[in-house]
Amino acid sequence: MSDMKLVVVGAAGRMGQALVRTIATIPGATVSAAIERQGSPHIGKDIGQLAGVGPIGVLIGDDPLVAFAKADGVLDFTSPAATVEFAGYAAQARIIHVIGTTGCSAEDDTAIAAAARHATIVKSGNMSLGVNLLAVLVEQAAKALPPEDFDIEILEMHHRNKVDAPSGTALLLGEAAAAGRSIALAENSVRTRDGHTGARKAQAIGFATLRGGSVVGEHSVFLAGPGERIALSHHAEDRTIFARGAVKAALWAHGRKPGLYSMRDVLGLGQGA
């Protein structure tokens, strides 16, 4: 069987280059195209050379339609607006679209779900095995511990250049906690606290966001009860964990029917957002 041909979008960015380096180490996958925005100074460069793996004969371009038409899948850690556009192109080409982009709005998610009628889409706020296992543990803990006794708070920290908050991973963990308690996260999340806030509501799921330095990603879920506190945490030390998860998702999705899948599906960890 020939290698799966993958397009890397946002190829010149940190995650794009991490994806190229990771694909080079995983049997069964190859970089077929690398896409950057129009006007990027990296257009025309060999993506392998830029990523540090040596020339691979794939020059960075700016035409996703042509690239998608010749590929089996696309790996996407870009921006919500770009991701929605790429989802439409993936649907048109009827290929796999792995989405690690965070910060998508409800409207963005609706558009992506519509594209999944024709594209095989794997979307997750975090592509790592550890985080998705953590989400399962958070859901189980939230289900087991009574909400009248245990409060749930989520703390996350990322590098200074991250533009969305809370992080996609924090929201993924929040959704897991909400699922464990059979409540809707949108109706119970608390994103900010300032001034006289009043007493904490029993079903609230709180989020705290830290930004600074070069932190790849740190997440902790606290379940605080009377006289005791449980902390479930994950610390990302290298972007390679996200890249490996994305390539694993693409290989898993190859040959599957169109639809919207999650990393829990990929990892066989049960249903999840």
C-alpha atoms as a PDB file:
ATOM      1  CA  MET A   1       0.000   0.000   0.000  1.00  0.00           C
ATOM      2  CA  SER A   2       1.339   3.434  -0.896  1.00  0.00           C
ATOM      3  CA  ASP A   3       1.954   6.091   1.733  1.00  0.00           C
ATOM      4  CA  MET A   4      -0.917   8.359   2.712  1.00  0.00           C
ATOM      5  CA  LYS A   5      -0.423  11.728   0.996  1.00  0.00           C
ATOM      6  CA  LEU A   6      -0.866  14.556   3.515  1.00  0.00           C
ATOM      7  CA  VAL A   7      -1.101  18.314   3.006  1.00  0.00           C
ATOM      8  CA  VAL A   8       0.264  20.487   5.815  1.00  0.00           C
ATOM      9  CA  VAL A   9      -1.435  23.889   5.975  1.00  0.00           C
ATOM     10  CA  GLY A  10       0.199  26.731   7.870  1.00  0.00           C
ATOM     11  CA  ALA A  11       3.337  24.798   6.996  1.00  0.00           C
ATOM     12  CA  ALA A  12       5.885  27.470   7.891  1.00  0.00           C
ATOM     13  CA  GLY A  13       4.540  27.959  11.435  1.00  0.00           C
ATOM     14  CA  ARG A  14       5.749  26.165  14.539  1.00  0.00           C
ATOM     15  CA  MET A  15       3.103  23.449  14.366  1.00  0.00           C
ATOM     16  CA  GLY A  16       3.390  23.152  10.606  1.00  0.00           C
ATOM     17  CA  GLN A  17       7.107  22.483  10.843  1.00  0.00           C
ATOM     18  CA  ALA A  18       6.537  20.072  13.747  1.00  0.00           C
ATOM     19  CA  LEU A  19       4.062  18.172  11.566  1.00  0.00           C
ATOM     20  CA  VAL A  20       6.573  17.906   8.720  1.00  0.00           C
ATOM     21  CA  ARG A  21       9.278  16.614  11.081  1.00  0.00           C
ATOM     22  CA  THR A  22       6.855  14.119  12.600  1.00  0.00           C
ATOM     23  CA  ILE A  23       5.569  12.797   9.266  1.00  0.00           C
ATOM     24  CA  ALA A  24       9.181  12.070   8.331  1.00  0.00           C
ATOM     25  CA  THR A  25       9.412   9.637  11.283  1.00  0.00           C
ATOM     26  CA  ILE A  26       6.096   7.797  10.830  1.00  0.00           C
ATOM     27  CA  PRO A  27       5.780   4.932   8.324  1.00  0.00           C
ATOM     28  CA  GLY A  28       2.765   5.080   6.015  1.00  0.00           C
ATOM     29  CA  ALA A  29       2.553   8.854   5.615  1.00  0.00           C
ATOM     30  CA  THR A  30       4.272  11.415   3.430  1.00  0.00           C
ATOM     31  CA  VAL A  31       4.061  15.171   2.875  1.00  0.00           C
ATOM     32  CA  SER A  32       2.483  15.729  -0.538  1.00  0.00           C
ATOM     33  CA  ALA A  33       2.042  19.506  -0.278  1.00  0.00           C
ATOM     34  CA  ALA A  34       2.735  22.420   2.063  1.00  0.00           C
ATOM     35  CA  ILE A  35       0.479  25.468   2.068  1.00  0.00           C
ATOM     36  CA  GLU A  36       1.005  28.980   3.407  1.00  0.00           C
ATOM     37  CA  ARG A  37      -1.014  32.171   3.107  1.00  0.00           C
ATOM     38  CA  GLN A  38      -0.658  34.265  -0.028  1.00  0.00           C
ATOM     39  CA  GLY A  39       2.261  36.673   0.240  1.00  0.00           C
ATOM     40  CA  SER A  40       4.156  34.567   2.771  1.00  0.00           C
ATOM     41  CA  PRO A  41       7.938  35.025   2.468  1.00  0.00           C
ATOM     42  CA  HIS A  42       8.260  31.236   2.645  1.00  0.00           C
ATOM     43  CA  ILE A  43       6.456  30.549  -0.648  1.00  0.00           C
ATOM     44  CA  GLY A  44       8.715  28.542  -2.941  1.00  0.00           C
ATOM     45  CA  LYS A  45      10.955  27.176  -0.183  1.00  0.00           C
ATOM     46  CA  ASP A  46      11.402  23.438   0.333  1.00  0.00           C
ATOM     47  CA  ILE A  47       9.325  22.617   3.405  1.00  0.00           C
ATOM     48  CA  GLY A  48      11.676  19.826   4.458  1.00  0.00           C
ATOM     49  CA  GLN A  49      14.631  22.163   4.498  1.00  0.00           C
ATOM     50  CA  LEU A  50      12.658  24.791   6.434  1.00  0.00           C
ATOM     51  CA  ALA A  51      11.549  22.189   8.998  1.00  0.00           C
ATOM     52  CA  GLY A  52      15.075  20.885   9.455  1.00  0.00           C
ATOM     53  CA  VAL A  53      14.733  17.408   7.926  1.00  0.00           C
ATOM     54  CA  GLY A  54      16.519  18.232   4.681  1.00  0.00           C
ATOM     55  CA  PRO A  55      15.078  18.788   1.198  1.00  0.00           C
ATOM     56  CA  ILE A  56      12.062  16.592   0.379  1.00  0.00           C
ATOM     57  CA  GLY A  57      11.136  18.113  -2.968  1.00  0.00           C
ATOM     58  CA  VAL A  58       7.920  19.730  -1.693  1.00  0.00           C
ATOM     59  CA  LEU A  59       7.872  23.480  -2.218  1.00  0.00           C
ATOM     60  CA  ILE A  60       5.597  25.666  -0.116  1.00  0.00           C
ATOM     61  CA  GLY A  61       2.664  26.969  -2.166  1.00  0.00           C
ATOM     62  CA  ASP A  62      -0.468  29.049  -1.628  1.00  0.00           C
ATOM     63  CA  ASP A  63      -3.159  27.143  -3.581  1.00  0.00           C
ATOM     64  CA  PRO A  64      -4.970  24.686  -1.297  1.00  0.00           C
ATOM     65  CA  LEU A  65      -7.494  23.642  -3.958  1.00  0.00           C
ATOM     66  CA  VAL A  66      -4.813  22.165  -6.201  1.00  0.00           C
ATOM     67  CA  ALA A  67      -3.021  20.550  -3.237  1.00  0.00           C
ATOM     68  CA  PHE A  68      -6.183  19.006  -1.762  1.00  0.00           C
ATOM     69  CA  ALA A  69      -7.228  17.529  -5.116  1.00  0.00           C
ATOM     70  CA  LYS A  70      -4.080  15.367  -5.173  1.00  0.00           C
ATOM     71  CA  ALA A  71      -4.024  14.391  -1.492  1.00  0.00           C
ATOM     72  CA  ASP A  72      -5.558  11.864   0.884  1.00  0.00           C
ATOM     73  CA  GLY A  73      -5.767  14.243   3.842  1.00  0.00           C
ATOM     74  CA  VAL A  74      -4.878  17.597   5.353  1.00  0.00           C
ATOM     75  CA  LEU A  75      -3.407  18.445   8.764  1.00  0.00           C
ATOM     76  CA  ASP A  76      -4.637  21.785  10.081  1.00  0.00           C
ATOM     77  CA  PHE A  77      -3.520  23.790  13.127  1.00  0.00           C
ATOM     78  CA  THR A  78      -4.252  27.238  11.701  1.00  0.00           C
ATOM     79  CA  SER A  79      -6.988  29.743  12.597  1.00  0.00           C
ATOM     80  CA  PRO A  80     -10.778  29.319  12.826  1.00  0.00           C
ATOM     81  CA  ALA A  81     -11.483  31.293   9.634  1.00  0.00           C
ATOM     82  CA  ALA A  82      -8.855  29.373   7.673  1.00  0.00           C
ATOM     83  CA  THR A  83     -10.017  26.042   9.095  1.00  0.00           C
ATOM     84  CA  VAL A  84     -13.606  26.629   7.989  1.00  0.00           C
ATOM     85  CA  GLU A  85     -12.330  27.443   4.498  1.00  0.00           C
ATOM     86  CA  PHE A  86     -10.138  24.331   4.442  1.00  0.00           C
ATOM     87  CA  ALA A  87     -13.048  22.177   5.651  1.00  0.00           C
ATOM     88  CA  GLY A  88     -15.040  23.304   2.619  1.00  0.00           C
ATOM     89  CA  TYR A  89     -12.156  22.415   0.311  1.00  0.00           C
ATOM     90  CA  ALA A  90     -11.732  19.025   2.023  1.00  0.00           C
ATOM     91  CA  ALA A  91     -15.438  18.331   1.521  1.00  0.00           C
ATOM     92  CA  GLN A  92     -15.133  19.281  -2.137  1.00  0.00           C
ATOM     93  CA  ALA A  93     -12.154  16.933  -2.555  1.00  0.00           C
ATOM     94  CA  ARG A  94     -13.784  14.288  -0.284  1.00  0.00           C
ATOM     95  CA  ILE A  95     -10.625  13.759   1.733  1.00  0.00           C
ATOM     96  CA  ILE A  96      -9.640  13.585   5.410  1.00  0.00           C
ATOM     97  CA  HIS A  97      -9.337  16.808   7.404  1.00  0.00           C
ATOM     98  CA  VAL A  98      -7.607  16.616  10.794  1.00  0.00           C
ATOM     99  CA  ILE A  99      -8.352  19.782  12.784  1.00  0.00           C
ATOM    100  CA  GLY A 100      -6.263  20.816  15.774  1.00  0.00           C
ATOM    101  CA  THR A 101      -7.278  24.474  15.459  1.00  0.00           C
ATOM    102  CA  THR A 102      -8.719  25.998  18.634  1.00  0.00           C
ATOM    103  CA  GLY A 103     -10.896  29.045  19.255  1.00  0.00           C
ATOM    104  CA  CYS A 104     -13.668  28.013  16.845  1.00  0.00           C
ATOM    105  CA  SER A 105     -17.040  29.676  17.409  1.00  0.00           C
ATOM    106  CA  ALA A 106     -20.392  27.902  17.378  1.00  0.00           C
ATOM    107  CA  GLU A 107     -20.861  29.145  13.799  1.00  0.00           C
ATOM    108  CA  ASP A 108     -17.458  27.761  12.827  1.00  0.00           C
ATOM    109  CA  ASP A 109     -18.331  24.390  14.348  1.00  0.00           C
ATOM    110  CA  THR A 110     -21.628  24.345  12.441  1.00  0.00           C
ATOM    111  CA  ALA A 111     -19.796  24.952   9.172  1.00  0.00           C
ATOM    112  CA  ILE A 112     -17.266  22.226   9.979  1.00  0.00           C
ATOM    113  CA  ALA A 113     -20.070  19.780  10.818  1.00  0.00           C
ATOM    114  CA  ALA A 114     -21.700  20.580   7.476  1.00  0.00           C
ATOM    115  CA  ALA A 115     -18.426  19.855   5.667  1.00  0.00           C
ATOM    116  CA  ALA A 116     -18.271  16.496   7.463  1.00  0.00           C
ATOM    117  CA  ARG A 117     -21.154  15.289   5.305  1.00  0.00           C
ATOM    118  CA  HIS A 118     -18.587  14.829   2.529  1.00  0.00           C
ATOM    119  CA  ALA A 119     -15.200  14.963   4.301  1.00  0.00           C
ATOM    120  CA  THR A 120     -13.878  12.653   7.012  1.00  0.00           C
ATOM    121  CA  ILE A 121     -13.085  15.146   9.767  1.00  0.00           C
ATOM    122  CA  VAL A 122     -11.272  14.474  13.029  1.00  0.00           C
ATOM    123  CA  LYS A 123     -11.482  17.526  15.294  1.00  0.00           C
ATOM    124  CA  SER A 124     -10.163  17.909  18.816  1.00  0.00           C
ATOM    125  CA  GLY A 125      -9.082  20.668  21.154  1.00  0.00           C
ATOM    126  CA  ASN A 126      -5.981  18.564  21.792  1.00  0.00           C
ATOM    127  CA  MET A 127      -4.447  15.755  19.742  1.00  0.00           C
ATOM    128  CA  SER A 128      -2.312  14.139  22.455  1.00  0.00           C
ATOM    129  CA  LEU A 129      -3.000  10.704  23.919  1.00  0.00           C
ATOM    130  CA  GLY A 130      -2.350  11.962  27.456  1.00  0.00           C
ATOM    131  CA  VAL A 131      -4.846  14.812  27.317  1.00  0.00           C
ATOM    132  CA  ASN A 132      -7.600  12.644  25.866  1.00  0.00           C
ATOM    133  CA  LEU A 133      -7.001  10.038  28.540  1.00  0.00           C
ATOM    134  CA  LEU A 134      -7.123  12.872  31.090  1.00  0.00           C
ATOM    135  CA  ALA A 135     -10.506  13.933  29.705  1.00  0.00           C
ATOM    136  CA  VAL A 136     -11.865  10.425  30.322  1.00  0.00           C
ATOM    137  CA  LEU A 137     -10.585  10.513  33.909  1.00  0.00           C
ATOM    138  CA  VAL A 138     -12.098  13.961  34.457  1.00  0.00           C
ATOM    139  CA  GLU A 139     -15.473  12.764  33.206  1.00  0.00           C
ATOM    140  CA  GLN A 140     -15.366   9.726  35.483  1.00  0.00           C
ATOM    141  CA  ALA A 141     -14.338  11.801  38.507  1.00  0.00           C
ATOM    142  CA  ALA A 142     -17.021  14.408  37.877  1.00  0.00           C
ATOM    143  CA  LYS A 143     -19.613  11.665  37.625  1.00  0.00           C
ATOM    144  CA  ALA A 144     -18.460   9.909  40.778  1.00  0.00           C
ATOM    145  CA  LEU A 145     -18.153  12.930  43.071  1.00  0.00           C
ATOM    146  CA  PRO A 146     -21.368  14.693  44.222  1.00  0.00           C
ATOM    147  CA  PRO A 147     -21.656  18.280  42.906  1.00  0.00           C
ATOM    148  CA  GLU A 148     -23.007  19.535  46.230  1.00  0.00           C
ATOM    149  CA  ASP A 149     -19.646  18.587  47.794  1.00  0.00           C
ATOM    150  CA  PHE A 150     -17.047  18.919  45.020  1.00  0.00           C
ATOM    151  CA  ASP A 151     -16.399  22.055  42.957  1.00  0.00           C
ATOM    152  CA  ILE A 152     -14.620  21.873  39.600  1.00  0.00           C
ATOM    153  CA  GLU A 153     -11.992  24.408  38.508  1.00  0.00           C
ATOM    154  CA  ILE A 154      -9.755  24.233  35.420  1.00  0.00           C
ATOM    155  CA  LEU A 155      -6.398  26.025  35.271  1.00  0.00           C
ATOM    156  CA  GLU A 156      -4.412  26.333  32.045  1.00  0.00           C
ATOM    157  CA  MET A 157      -1.183  28.049  31.007  1.00  0.00           C
ATOM    158  CA  HIS A 158       0.294  28.617  27.550  1.00  0.00           C
ATOM    159  CA  HIS A 159       3.012  30.663  25.854  1.00  0.00           C
ATOM    160  CA  ARG A 160       2.646  34.411  25.469  1.00  0.00           C
ATOM    161  CA  ASN A 161       1.687  34.210  21.779  1.00  0.00           C
ATOM    162  CA  LYS A 162      -1.454  32.092  22.171  1.00  0.00           C
ATOM    163  CA  VAL A 163      -4.425  34.152  21.012  1.00  0.00           C
ATOM    164  CA  ASP A 164      -7.494  32.257  22.278  1.00  0.00           C
ATOM    165  CA  ALA A 165      -8.648  31.672  25.854  1.00  0.00           C
ATOM    166  CA  PRO A 166      -9.595  29.435  27.486  1.00  0.00           C
ATOM    167  CA  SER A 167      -7.517  26.994  25.462  1.00  0.00           C
ATOM    168  CA  GLY A 168      -9.170  24.343  23.342  1.00  0.00           C
ATOM    169  CA  THR A 169      -7.799  21.755  25.738  1.00  0.00           C
ATOM    170  CA  ALA A 170      -9.304  23.516  28.759  1.00  0.00           C
ATOM    171  CA  LEU A 171     -12.665  23.573  27.004  1.00  0.00           C
ATOM    172  CA  LEU A 172     -12.300  19.901  26.080  1.00  0.00           C
ATOM    173  CA  LEU A 173     -11.712  19.118  29.767  1.00  0.00           C
ATOM    174  CA  GLY A 174     -14.619  21.349  30.731  1.00  0.00           C
ATOM    175  CA  GLU A 175     -16.893  19.462  28.341  1.00  0.00           C
ATOM    176  CA  ALA A 176     -15.713  16.201  29.887  1.00  0.00           C
ATOM    177  CA  ALA A 177     -16.504  17.465  33.382  1.00  0.00           C
ATOM    178  CA  ALA A 178     -19.918  18.697  32.247  1.00  0.00           C
ATOM    179  CA  ALA A 179     -20.661  15.362  30.600  1.00  0.00           C
ATOM    180  CA  GLY A 180     -19.784  13.590  33.839  1.00  0.00           C
ATOM    181  CA  ARG A 181     -22.351  15.704  35.646  1.00  0.00           C
ATOM    182  CA  SER A 182     -24.933  15.564  32.828  1.00  0.00           C
ATOM    183  CA  ILE A 183     -25.040  19.342  32.481  1.00  0.00           C
ATOM    184  CA  ALA A 184     -24.361  21.770  29.633  1.00  0.00           C
ATOM    185  CA  LEU A 185     -20.991  23.481  29.862  1.00  0.00           C
ATOM    186  CA  ALA A 186     -22.251  26.615  28.109  1.00  0.00           C
ATOM    187  CA  GLU A 187     -24.787  27.212  30.876  1.00  0.00           C
ATOM    188  CA  ASN A 188     -22.429  26.507  33.767  1.00  0.00           C
ATOM    189  CA  SER A 189     -18.957  27.737  32.813  1.00  0.00           C
ATOM    190  CA  VAL A 190     -17.433  30.687  34.652  1.00  0.00           C
ATOM    191  CA  ARG A 191     -14.695  32.401  32.622  1.00  0.00           C
ATOM    192  CA  THR A 192     -13.905  35.471  34.727  1.00  0.00           C
ATOM    193  CA  ARG A 193     -14.119  36.541  38.353  1.00  0.00           C
ATOM    194  CA  ASP A 194     -13.551  40.110  39.455  1.00  0.00           C
ATOM    195  CA  GLY A 195     -14.852  42.192  42.334  1.00  0.00           C
ATOM    196  CA  HIS A 196     -17.706  41.030  44.546  1.00  0.00           C
ATOM    197  CA  THR A 197     -18.780  37.850  42.747  1.00  0.00           C
ATOM    198  CA  GLY A 198     -21.018  36.308  45.377  1.00  0.00           C
ATOM    199  CA  ALA A 199     -20.930  32.681  46.453  1.00  0.00           C
ATOM    200  CA  ARG A 200     -19.929  29.991  43.987  1.00  0.00           C
ATOM    201  CA  LYS A 201     -22.769  28.065  42.359  1.00  0.00           C
ATOM    202  CA  ALA A 202     -22.703  24.320  42.992  1.00  0.00           C
ATOM    203  CA  GLN A 203     -22.709  23.259  39.332  1.00  0.00           C
ATOM    204  CA  ALA A 204     -20.262  25.903  38.096  1.00  0.00           C
ATOM    205  CA  ILE A 205     -17.180  24.834  36.153  1.00  0.00           C
ATOM    206  CA  GLY A 206     -14.571  27.562  36.520  1.00  0.00           C
ATOM    207  CA  PHE A 207     -11.735  28.442  34.147  1.00  0.00           C
ATOM    208  CA  ALA A 208      -8.524  30.306  34.941  1.00  0.00           C
ATOM    209  CA  THR A 209      -6.107  31.324  32.170  1.00  0.00           C
ATOM    210  CA  LEU A 210      -2.387  32.096  32.425  1.00  0.00           C
ATOM    211  CA  ARG A 211      -0.180  33.326  29.555  1.00  0.00           C
ATOM    212  CA  GLY A 212       3.573  33.773  29.549  1.00  0.00           C
ATOM    213  CA  GLY A 213       6.971  32.689  28.326  1.00  0.00           C
ATOM    214  CA  SER A 214       7.312  29.659  26.081  1.00  0.00           C
ATOM    215  CA  VAL A 215       4.998  27.216  27.891  1.00  0.00           C
ATOM    216  CA  VAL A 216       3.760  24.597  25.418  1.00  0.00           C
ATOM    217  CA  GLY A 217       0.719  23.715  27.498  1.00  0.00           C
ATOM    218  CA  GLU A 218      -0.176  22.946  31.104  1.00  0.00           C
ATOM    219  CA  HIS A 219      -3.645  21.945  32.306  1.00  0.00           C
ATOM    220  CA  SER A 220      -4.980  20.996  35.722  1.00  0.00           C
ATOM    221  CA  VAL A 221      -8.495  20.077  36.761  1.00  0.00           C
ATOM    222  CA  PHE A 222      -9.232  20.532  40.460  1.00  0.00           C
ATOM    223  CA  LEU A 223     -12.120  18.808  42.196  1.00  0.00           C
ATOM    224  CA  ALA A 224     -12.271  20.566  45.555  1.00  0.00           C
ATOM    225  CA  GLY A 225     -14.374  19.129  48.335  1.00  0.00           C
ATOM    226  CA  PRO A 226     -14.688  19.576  52.096  1.00  0.00           C
ATOM    227  CA  GLY A 227     -11.294  18.789  53.592  1.00  0.00           C
ATOM    228  CA  GLU A 228      -9.758  17.340  50.409  1.00  0.00           C
ATOM    229  CA  ARG A 229      -8.804  18.276  46.853  1.00  0.00           C
ATOM    230  CA  ILE A 230      -8.125  16.108  43.807  1.00  0.00           C
ATOM    231  CA  ALA A 231      -5.877  17.445  41.038  1.00  0.00           C
ATOM    232  CA  LEU A 232      -5.700  15.821  37.603  1.00  0.00           C
ATOM    233  CA  SER A 233      -2.963  17.345  35.433  1.00  0.00           C
ATOM    234  CA  HIS A 234      -1.176  17.173  32.111  1.00  0.00           C
ATOM    235  CA  HIS A 235       2.027  18.960  31.122  1.00  0.00           C
ATOM    236  CA  ALA A 236       3.005  19.175  27.447  1.00  0.00           C
ATOM    237  CA  GLU A 237       6.760  19.463  26.998  1.00  0.00           C
ATOM    238  CA  ASP A 238       7.023  19.337  23.193  1.00  0.00           C
ATOM    239  CA  ARG A 239       4.670  20.117  20.275  1.00  0.00           C
ATOM    240  CA  THR A 240       5.607  16.745  18.811  1.00  0.00           C
ATOM    241  CA  ILE A 241       2.915  15.092  20.949  1.00  0.00           C
ATOM    242  CA  PHE A 242       0.240  17.071  19.103  1.00  0.00           C
ATOM    243  CA  ALA A 243       1.824  16.411  15.707  1.00  0.00           C
ATOM    244  CA  ARG A 244       2.064  12.667  16.340  1.00  0.00           C
ATOM    245  CA  GLY A 245      -1.562  12.588  17.424  1.00  0.00           C
ATOM    246  CA  ALA A 246      -2.645  14.428  14.275  1.00  0.00           C
ATOM    247  CA  VAL A 247      -0.778  12.028  11.985  1.00  0.00           C
ATOM    248  CA  LYS A 248      -2.181   9.072  13.947  1.00  0.00           C
ATOM    249  CA  ALA A 249      -5.672  10.537  13.464  1.00  0.00           C
ATOM    250  CA  ALA A 250      -5.149  10.888   9.717  1.00  0.00           C
ATOM    251  CA  LEU A 251      -3.954   7.291   9.374  1.00  0.00           C
ATOM    252  CA  TRP A 252      -6.883   6.083  11.491  1.00  0.00           C
ATOM    253  CA  ALA A 253      -9.381   8.030   9.358  1.00  0.00           C
ATOM    254  CA  HIS A 254      -8.021   6.753   6.047  1.00  0.00           C
ATOM    255  CA  GLY A 255     -10.768   4.697   4.415  1.00  0.00           C
ATOM    256  CA  ARG A 256     -13.459   5.634   6.936  1.00  0.00           C
ATOM    257  CA  LYS A 257     -16.798   7.100   5.928  1.00  0.00           C
ATOM    258  CA  PRO A 258     -17.355  10.867   5.986  1.00  0.00           C
ATOM    259  CA  GLY A 259     -18.363  12.222   9.375  1.00  0.00           C
ATOM    260  CA  LEU A 260     -17.200  14.223  12.363  1.00  0.00           C
ATOM    261  CA  TYR A 261     -14.939  12.261  14.700  1.00  0.00           C
ATOM    262  CA  SER A 262     -12.909  13.056  17.823  1.00  0.00           C
ATOM    263  CA  MET A 263      -9.593  11.893  19.220  1.00  0.00           C
ATOM    264  CA  ARG A 264     -11.517   9.691  21.602  1.00  0.00           C
ATOM    265  CA  ASP A 265     -12.742   7.799  18.548  1.00  0.00           C
ATOM    266  CA  VAL A 266      -9.192   7.548  17.211  1.00  0.00           C
ATOM    267  CA  LEU A 267      -7.838   6.262  20.526  1.00  0.00           C
ATOM    268  CA  GLY A 268     -10.765   3.971  21.285  1.00  0.00           C
ATOM    269  CA  LEU A 269     -11.571   5.815  24.510  1.00  0.00           C
ATOM    270  CA  GLY A 270     -15.314   6.081  23.975  1.00  0.00           C
ATOM    271  CA  GLN A 271     -17.534   8.960  22.949  1.00  0.00           C
ATOM    272  CA  GLY A 272     -16.402  12.524  23.556  1.00  0.00           C
ATOM    273  CA  ALA A 273     -16.500  16.043  22.193  1.00  0.00           C
END
